[in-house]
Amino acid sequence: MKVTREQAALNRARVVETAAKLFRERGFDGIGVADLMKAAGLTHGGFYGHFDSKEALQAEASAKAVEGSAGRWQALIDASPDTPLSAVAQRYLSTQHRDNPGQGCAVATLGADAHRATPAVREAMTTGIRKQIDVLAAALHGGSDEERRHRAMTAYATMIGGLVMARAVEDGALSEEILKVVTAALELQPQ
């Protein structure tokens, strides 16, 4: 049975969405093509009809994941224009985000993997990181464009570090403390 172009596009989108989630949960090397395709509800054999390689899928899935993060940030900022950094920090440094890496920030989950990945993956991450910095910098008040950009970079790096630390520790109370302390520190920053 031949698949229509529409169905092929839907299947590809489903694979990319599934990969974006599973790569964030397990890392690029934590899931193979066969298991990924199975999770997407498709056959392993169909993979190469959509992608040249697993690395090509990694790049597309990374782009999809970071694009989604930028969109979520923009929605939070739009809902809290007077306190954009607080709005983003509270959501980013939440227990829900900590406990659901497959739905969250690709930079926090895949940053170390991206460093060793293909140029296409690094390009996707670079584009996404720039977009998130730009979204946050545009929402901040006061100072020059360069100062707002630097504040956005600092806040983003601080959030990533806090989230990574909160996920790394086995002590639940310490994890919660890290989330709260880093959020409070960011809320004290100029909005």
C-alpha atoms as a PDB file:
ATOM      1  CA  MET A   1       0.000   0.000   0.000  1.00  0.00           C
ATOM      2  CA  LYS A   2       1.462   3.331  -1.081  1.00  0.00           C
ATOM      3  CA  VAL A   3       1.519   6.151   1.459  1.00  0.00           C
ATOM      4  CA  THR A   4       0.207   9.528   0.306  1.00  0.00           C
ATOM      5  CA  ARG A   5       2.457  12.586   0.485  1.00  0.00           C
ATOM      6  CA  GLU A   6       0.248  13.977   3.236  1.00  0.00           C
ATOM      7  CA  GLN A   7       0.574  10.786   5.269  1.00  0.00           C
ATOM      8  CA  ALA A   8       4.335  10.680   4.657  1.00  0.00           C
ATOM      9  CA  ALA A   9       4.620  14.267   5.954  1.00  0.00           C
ATOM     10  CA  LEU A  10       2.547  13.374   9.021  1.00  0.00           C
ATOM     11  CA  ASN A  11       4.692  10.279   9.636  1.00  0.00           C
ATOM     12  CA  ARG A  12       7.891  12.322   9.359  1.00  0.00           C
ATOM     13  CA  ALA A  13       6.542  14.922  11.779  1.00  0.00           C
ATOM     14  CA  ARG A  14       5.587  12.168  14.218  1.00  0.00           C
ATOM     15  CA  VAL A  15       9.096  10.689  14.038  1.00  0.00           C
ATOM     16  CA  VAL A  16      10.698  14.111  14.627  1.00  0.00           C
ATOM     17  CA  GLU A  17       8.387  14.849  17.574  1.00  0.00           C
ATOM     18  CA  THR A  18       9.013  11.417  19.095  1.00  0.00           C
ATOM     19  CA  ALA A  19      12.759  11.754  18.577  1.00  0.00           C
ATOM     20  CA  ALA A  20      12.808  15.234  20.120  1.00  0.00           C
ATOM     21  CA  LYS A  21      11.189  13.802  23.246  1.00  0.00           C
ATOM     22  CA  LEU A  22      13.200  10.581  23.461  1.00  0.00           C
ATOM     23  CA  PHE A  23      16.567  12.213  22.733  1.00  0.00           C
ATOM     24  CA  ARG A  24      15.904  14.665  25.579  1.00  0.00           C
ATOM     25  CA  GLU A  25      14.960  11.795  27.870  1.00  0.00           C
ATOM     26  CA  ARG A  26      17.738   9.367  26.940  1.00  0.00           C
ATOM     27  CA  GLY A  27      20.411  11.287  25.032  1.00  0.00           C
ATOM     28  CA  PHE A  28      21.376  10.843  21.401  1.00  0.00           C
ATOM     29  CA  ASP A  29      23.043   7.492  22.045  1.00  0.00           C
ATOM     30  CA  GLY A  30      20.368   6.292  24.479  1.00  0.00           C
ATOM     31  CA  ILE A  31      17.930   5.124  21.825  1.00  0.00           C
ATOM     32  CA  GLY A  32      18.395   3.370  18.521  1.00  0.00           C
ATOM     33  CA  VAL A  33      16.516   3.866  15.286  1.00  0.00           C
ATOM     34  CA  ALA A  34      14.443   0.693  15.680  1.00  0.00           C
ATOM     35  CA  ASP A  35      13.157   1.650  19.146  1.00  0.00           C
ATOM     36  CA  LEU A  36      12.582   5.227  18.091  1.00  0.00           C
ATOM     37  CA  MET A  37      10.502   4.175  15.090  1.00  0.00           C
ATOM     38  CA  LYS A  38       8.579   1.719  17.246  1.00  0.00           C
ATOM     39  CA  ALA A  39       7.808   4.511  19.726  1.00  0.00           C
ATOM     40  CA  ALA A  40       6.535   6.617  16.812  1.00  0.00           C
ATOM     41  CA  GLY A  41       4.283   3.720  15.759  1.00  0.00           C
ATOM     42  CA  LEU A  42       6.154   3.101  12.513  1.00  0.00           C
ATOM     43  CA  THR A  43       8.401   0.389  11.142  1.00  0.00           C
ATOM     44  CA  HIS A  44      12.167   0.490  11.334  1.00  0.00           C
ATOM     45  CA  GLY A  45      12.345   0.019   7.579  1.00  0.00           C
ATOM     46  CA  GLY A  46      10.539   3.280   6.964  1.00  0.00           C
ATOM     47  CA  PHE A  47      13.206   5.369   8.674  1.00  0.00           C
ATOM     48  CA  TYR A  48      15.453   5.829   5.659  1.00  0.00           C
ATOM     49  CA  GLY A  49      12.530   6.938   3.528  1.00  0.00           C
ATOM     50  CA  HIS A  50      12.404  10.006   5.749  1.00  0.00           C
ATOM     51  CA  PHE A  51      16.013  10.582   6.863  1.00  0.00           C
ATOM     52  CA  ASP A  52      19.488   9.970   5.457  1.00  0.00           C
ATOM     53  CA  SER A  53      20.855   9.024   8.866  1.00  0.00           C
ATOM     54  CA  LYS A  54      20.211   9.055  12.581  1.00  0.00           C
ATOM     55  CA  GLU A  55      22.407  12.148  12.731  1.00  0.00           C
ATOM     56  CA  ALA A  56      20.087  13.947  10.294  1.00  0.00           C
ATOM     57  CA  LEU A  57      17.171  13.119  12.578  1.00  0.00           C
ATOM     58  CA  GLN A  58      19.165  14.329  15.589  1.00  0.00           C
ATOM     59  CA  ALA A  59      19.616  17.712  13.932  1.00  0.00           C
ATOM     60  CA  GLU A  60      15.952  18.036  12.969  1.00  0.00           C
ATOM     61  CA  ALA A  61      14.736  16.855  16.366  1.00  0.00           C
ATOM     62  CA  SER A  62      17.097  19.278  18.127  1.00  0.00           C
ATOM     63  CA  ALA A  63      15.784  22.144  16.026  1.00  0.00           C
ATOM     64  CA  LYS A  64      12.209  21.136  16.826  1.00  0.00           C
ATOM     65  CA  ALA A  65      12.933  20.937  20.558  1.00  0.00           C
ATOM     66  CA  VAL A  66      14.670  24.298  20.872  1.00  0.00           C
ATOM     67  CA  GLU A  67      12.069  25.980  18.658  1.00  0.00           C
ATOM     68  CA  GLY A  68       9.369  24.721  21.015  1.00  0.00           C
ATOM     69  CA  SER A  69      11.217  26.143  24.014  1.00  0.00           C
ATOM     70  CA  ALA A  70      11.472  29.581  22.430  1.00  0.00           C
ATOM     71  CA  GLY A  71       7.739  29.522  21.738  1.00  0.00           C
ATOM     72  CA  ARG A  72       6.948  28.585  25.337  1.00  0.00           C
ATOM     73  CA  TRP A  73       9.192  31.387  26.596  1.00  0.00           C
ATOM     74  CA  GLN A  74       7.468  33.899  24.341  1.00  0.00           C
ATOM     75  CA  ALA A  75       4.053  32.838  25.651  1.00  0.00           C
ATOM     76  CA  LEU A  76       5.241  33.226  29.265  1.00  0.00           C
ATOM     77  CA  ILE A  77       6.705  36.653  28.493  1.00  0.00           C
ATOM     78  CA  ASP A  78       3.536  37.774  26.715  1.00  0.00           C
ATOM     79  CA  ALA A  79       1.521  36.799  29.791  1.00  0.00           C
ATOM     80  CA  SER A  80       3.893  38.657  32.174  1.00  0.00           C
ATOM     81  CA  PRO A  81       5.379  41.636  30.322  1.00  0.00           C
ATOM     82  CA  ASP A  82       6.323  43.467  33.547  1.00  0.00           C
ATOM     83  CA  THR A  83       8.261  40.513  34.994  1.00  0.00           C
ATOM     84  CA  PRO A  84       9.426  38.466  31.993  1.00  0.00           C
ATOM     85  CA  LEU A  85      12.524  36.990  33.597  1.00  0.00           C
ATOM     86  CA  SER A  86      10.594  35.905  36.692  1.00  0.00           C
ATOM     87  CA  ALA A  87       7.932  34.264  34.544  1.00  0.00           C
ATOM     88  CA  VAL A  88      10.477  32.296  32.535  1.00  0.00           C
ATOM     89  CA  ALA A  89      12.606  31.391  35.579  1.00  0.00           C
ATOM     90  CA  GLN A  90       9.631  30.148  37.605  1.00  0.00           C
ATOM     91  CA  ARG A  91       8.544  27.814  34.810  1.00  0.00           C
ATOM     92  CA  TYR A  92      12.047  26.754  33.792  1.00  0.00           C
ATOM     93  CA  LEU A  93      13.166  26.026  37.355  1.00  0.00           C
ATOM     94  CA  SER A  94      10.028  24.158  38.326  1.00  0.00           C
ATOM     95  CA  THR A  95       9.687  20.641  39.672  1.00  0.00           C
ATOM     96  CA  GLN A  96       7.575  19.799  36.623  1.00  0.00           C
ATOM     97  CA  HIS A  97      10.361  20.818  34.215  1.00  0.00           C
ATOM     98  CA  ARG A  98      12.982  19.043  36.302  1.00  0.00           C
ATOM     99  CA  ASP A  99      10.980  15.818  36.331  1.00  0.00           C
ATOM    100  CA  ASN A 100      10.020  15.814  32.628  1.00  0.00           C
ATOM    101  CA  PRO A 101      13.182  16.244  30.571  1.00  0.00           C
ATOM    102  CA  GLY A 102      11.498  14.853  27.457  1.00  0.00           C
ATOM    103  CA  GLN A 103       9.178  17.846  27.405  1.00  0.00           C
ATOM    104  CA  GLY A 104      11.691  20.482  28.406  1.00  0.00           C
ATOM    105  CA  CYS A 105      14.827  22.339  27.446  1.00  0.00           C
ATOM    106  CA  ALA A 106      16.988  20.550  24.889  1.00  0.00           C
ATOM    107  CA  VAL A 107      20.024  22.592  25.895  1.00  0.00           C
ATOM    108  CA  ALA A 108      19.854  21.335  29.486  1.00  0.00           C
ATOM    109  CA  THR A 109      19.403  17.715  28.402  1.00  0.00           C
ATOM    110  CA  LEU A 110      21.454  17.523  25.209  1.00  0.00           C
ATOM    111  CA  GLY A 111      24.039  20.287  25.598  1.00  0.00           C
ATOM    112  CA  ALA A 112      26.881  17.901  26.418  1.00  0.00           C
ATOM    113  CA  ASP A 113      25.827  15.514  23.639  1.00  0.00           C
ATOM    114  CA  ALA A 114      25.591  18.372  21.145  1.00  0.00           C
ATOM    115  CA  HIS A 115      29.183  19.284  21.825  1.00  0.00           C
ATOM    116  CA  ARG A 116      30.203  15.912  20.373  1.00  0.00           C
ATOM    117  CA  ALA A 117      27.502  15.773  17.685  1.00  0.00           C
ATOM    118  CA  THR A 118      27.542  16.609  14.002  1.00  0.00           C
ATOM    119  CA  PRO A 119      27.826  20.168  12.723  1.00  0.00           C
ATOM    120  CA  ALA A 120      24.131  20.039  11.776  1.00  0.00           C
ATOM    121  CA  VAL A 121      23.133  19.288  15.375  1.00  0.00           C
ATOM    122  CA  ARG A 122      25.398  22.048  16.670  1.00  0.00           C
ATOM    123  CA  GLU A 123      23.936  24.445  14.099  1.00  0.00           C
ATOM    124  CA  ALA A 124      20.392  23.584  15.235  1.00  0.00           C
ATOM    125  CA  MET A 125      21.349  24.131  18.858  1.00  0.00           C
ATOM    126  CA  THR A 126      23.138  27.388  18.031  1.00  0.00           C
ATOM    127  CA  THR A 127      20.105  28.714  16.183  1.00  0.00           C
ATOM    128  CA  GLY A 128      17.822  27.731  19.049  1.00  0.00           C
ATOM    129  CA  ILE A 129      20.045  29.206  21.741  1.00  0.00           C
ATOM    130  CA  ARG A 130      20.309  32.467  19.830  1.00  0.00           C
ATOM    131  CA  LYS A 131      16.533  32.561  19.459  1.00  0.00           C
ATOM    132  CA  GLN A 132      15.965  32.039  23.175  1.00  0.00           C
ATOM    133  CA  ILE A 133      18.522  34.691  24.104  1.00  0.00           C
ATOM    134  CA  ASP A 134      16.867  37.087  21.648  1.00  0.00           C
ATOM    135  CA  VAL A 135      13.367  36.365  22.969  1.00  0.00           C
ATOM    136  CA  LEU A 136      14.425  37.010  26.560  1.00  0.00           C
ATOM    137  CA  ALA A 137      16.615  40.036  25.755  1.00  0.00           C
ATOM    138  CA  ALA A 138      13.784  41.688  23.813  1.00  0.00           C
ATOM    139  CA  ALA A 139      11.514  41.360  26.844  1.00  0.00           C
ATOM    140  CA  LEU A 140      13.915  42.783  29.419  1.00  0.00           C
ATOM    141  CA  HIS A 141      13.646  46.424  30.445  1.00  0.00           C
ATOM    142  CA  GLY A 142      16.368  49.045  30.889  1.00  0.00           C
ATOM    143  CA  GLY A 143      19.875  49.295  29.583  1.00  0.00           C
ATOM    144  CA  SER A 144      21.247  49.100  26.077  1.00  0.00           C
ATOM    145  CA  ASP A 145      20.531  46.301  23.632  1.00  0.00           C
ATOM    146  CA  GLU A 146      23.921  44.823  24.441  1.00  0.00           C
ATOM    147  CA  GLU A 147      23.316  44.987  28.199  1.00  0.00           C
ATOM    148  CA  ARG A 148      19.909  43.290  27.840  1.00  0.00           C
ATOM    149  CA  ARG A 149      21.481  40.608  25.637  1.00  0.00           C
ATOM    150  CA  HIS A 150      24.199  39.962  28.209  1.00  0.00           C
ATOM    151  CA  ARG A 151      21.633  39.805  31.022  1.00  0.00           C
ATOM    152  CA  ALA A 152      19.597  37.338  28.965  1.00  0.00           C
ATOM    153  CA  MET A 153      22.664  35.146  28.342  1.00  0.00           C
ATOM    154  CA  THR A 154      23.556  35.194  32.028  1.00  0.00           C
ATOM    155  CA  ALA A 155      20.010  34.328  33.079  1.00  0.00           C
ATOM    156  CA  TYR A 156      19.743  31.516  30.519  1.00  0.00           C
ATOM    157  CA  ALA A 157      23.075  30.004  31.568  1.00  0.00           C
ATOM    158  CA  THR A 158      22.082  30.303  35.228  1.00  0.00           C
ATOM    159  CA  MET A 159      18.777  28.538  34.600  1.00  0.00           C
ATOM    160  CA  ILE A 160      20.458  25.727  32.657  1.00  0.00           C
ATOM    161  CA  GLY A 161      23.029  25.240  35.407  1.00  0.00           C
ATOM    162  CA  GLY A 162      20.381  25.240  38.121  1.00  0.00           C
ATOM    163  CA  LEU A 163      18.226  22.730  36.267  1.00  0.00           C
ATOM    164  CA  VAL A 164      21.153  20.422  35.502  1.00  0.00           C
ATOM    165  CA  MET A 165      22.255  20.516  39.155  1.00  0.00           C
ATOM    166  CA  ALA A 166      18.707  19.884  40.407  1.00  0.00           C
ATOM    167  CA  ARG A 167      18.441  16.848  38.132  1.00  0.00           C
ATOM    168  CA  ALA A 168      21.887  15.529  39.041  1.00  0.00           C
ATOM    169  CA  VAL A 169      21.509  15.266  42.807  1.00  0.00           C
ATOM    170  CA  GLU A 170      19.867  12.271  44.447  1.00  0.00           C
ATOM    171  CA  ASP A 171      18.703  14.276  47.453  1.00  0.00           C
ATOM    172  CA  GLY A 172      15.159  15.530  46.773  1.00  0.00           C
ATOM    173  CA  ALA A 173      15.366  18.301  49.351  1.00  0.00           C
ATOM    174  CA  LEU A 174      18.625  19.600  47.901  1.00  0.00           C
ATOM    175  CA  SER A 175      17.156  19.465  44.400  1.00  0.00           C
ATOM    176  CA  GLU A 176      14.171  21.558  45.480  1.00  0.00           C
ATOM    177  CA  GLU A 177      16.458  23.977  47.297  1.00  0.00           C
ATOM    178  CA  ILE A 178      18.555  24.484  44.159  1.00  0.00           C
ATOM    179  CA  LEU A 179      15.439  25.242  42.101  1.00  0.00           C
ATOM    180  CA  LYS A 180      14.140  27.724  44.683  1.00  0.00           C
ATOM    181  CA  VAL A 181      17.445  29.494  45.320  1.00  0.00           C
ATOM    182  CA  VAL A 182      18.266  29.946  41.637  1.00  0.00           C
ATOM    183  CA  THR A 183      14.725  31.165  40.887  1.00  0.00           C
ATOM    184  CA  ALA A 184      14.921  33.659  43.755  1.00  0.00           C
ATOM    185  CA  ALA A 185      18.293  34.942  42.544  1.00  0.00           C
ATOM    186  CA  LEU A 186      16.937  35.492  39.047  1.00  0.00           C
ATOM    187  CA  GLU A 187      13.830  37.245  40.365  1.00  0.00           C
ATOM    188  CA  LEU A 188      16.127  39.802  42.025  1.00  0.00           C
ATOM    189  CA  GLN A 189      17.659  40.667  38.637  1.00  0.00           C
ATOM    190  CA  PRO A 190      16.397  43.664  36.657  1.00  0.00           C
ATOM    191  CA  GLN A 191      13.402  42.628  34.640  1.00  0.00           C
END
